Amino acid sequence: AIPGAGGQPAPAPQPGGTTHVVRPGENLFRIALRYNLNYLYLAQYNGISNPAKIRVGQVLRIPPR
């Protein structure tokens, strides 16, 4: 954990889990909808402190169901 980073630490990656590579025009809200998730949960799961700031090419871990 990084002191002062706030929030919970991201969970360890699950073996065989799904990933999603961010494409131009995508945002965390739309990606979360695609996987039937809450975008805040998806942000927390990936250790993203600001859900509005994701980058093209960024690899997001999708939590197992």
Protein backbone atom coordinates (compact mmCIF):
# COMPACT_ATOMS: atom_id res chain seq x y z
CA ALA A 1 0.00 0.00 0.00
CA ILE A 2 1.13 3.55 -0.69
CA PRO A 3 0.72 5.87 2.32
CA GLY A 4 -1.72 8.68 1.62
CA ALA A 5 -3.08 7.07 -1.56
CA GLY A 6 -6.50 6.65 0.07
CA GLY A 7 -9.05 3.94 -0.56
CA GLN A 8 -8.60 0.21 -0.32
CA PRO A 9 -5.67 -1.61 -1.92
CA ALA A 10 -6.52 -3.34 -5.18
CA PRO A 11 -7.15 -7.07 -4.84
CA ALA A 12 -4.55 -9.47 -6.22
CA PRO A 13 -5.17 -10.56 -9.82
CA GLN A 14 -7.14 -13.77 -10.21
CA PRO A 15 -5.55 -16.52 -12.32
CA GLY A 16 -7.25 -16.85 -15.68
CA GLY A 17 -9.16 -13.61 -15.17
CA THR A 18 -10.52 -11.44 -17.92
CA THR A 19 -8.84 -8.23 -19.04
CA HIS A 20 -10.04 -5.34 -21.18
CA VAL A 21 -7.80 -2.98 -23.16
CA VAL A 22 -9.18 0.57 -23.23
CA ARG A 23 -9.92 1.76 -26.78
CA PRO A 24 -10.37 5.31 -28.08
CA GLY A 25 -13.72 6.77 -27.03
CA GLU A 26 -14.28 4.36 -24.15
CA ASN A 27 -14.79 5.41 -20.55
CA LEU A 28 -14.93 3.42 -17.34
CA PHE A 29 -18.71 3.74 -17.06
CA ARG A 30 -19.31 2.17 -20.51
CA ILE A 31 -16.72 -0.55 -19.92
CA ALA A 32 -18.37 -1.43 -16.59
CA LEU A 33 -21.79 -1.62 -18.29
CA ARG A 34 -20.38 -4.03 -20.85
CA TYR A 35 -19.37 -6.41 -18.06
CA ASN A 36 -22.47 -5.74 -15.93
CA LEU A 37 -20.45 -4.03 -13.17
CA ASN A 38 -20.60 -0.81 -11.20
CA TYR A 39 -17.96 1.57 -12.57
CA LEU A 40 -16.82 2.59 -9.08
CA TYR A 41 -16.25 -1.06 -8.18
CA LEU A 42 -14.32 -1.59 -11.41
CA ALA A 43 -12.19 1.47 -10.62
CA GLN A 44 -11.49 0.22 -7.09
CA TYR A 45 -10.69 -3.30 -8.34
CA ASN A 46 -8.08 -1.81 -10.68
CA GLY A 47 -6.66 0.66 -8.16
CA ILE A 48 -7.90 3.67 -10.14
CA SER A 49 -8.32 6.67 -7.84
CA ASN A 50 -9.96 8.89 -10.48
CA PRO A 51 -12.46 6.98 -12.68
CA ALA A 52 -12.48 9.87 -15.17
CA LYS A 53 -8.81 9.32 -15.98
CA ILE A 54 -8.18 6.14 -17.91
CA ARG A 55 -5.91 5.93 -20.94
CA VAL A 56 -6.19 4.31 -24.34
CA GLY A 57 -4.21 1.09 -24.18
CA GLN A 58 -4.61 0.73 -20.42
CA VAL A 59 -5.32 -2.86 -19.39
CA LEU A 60 -8.15 -3.25 -16.90
CA ARG A 61 -8.70 -6.40 -14.87
CA ILE A 62 -12.31 -7.59 -14.91
CA PRO A 63 -13.35 -9.24 -11.64
CA PRO A 64 -14.49 -12.87 -11.77
CA ARG A 65 -18.13 -13.60 -11.11
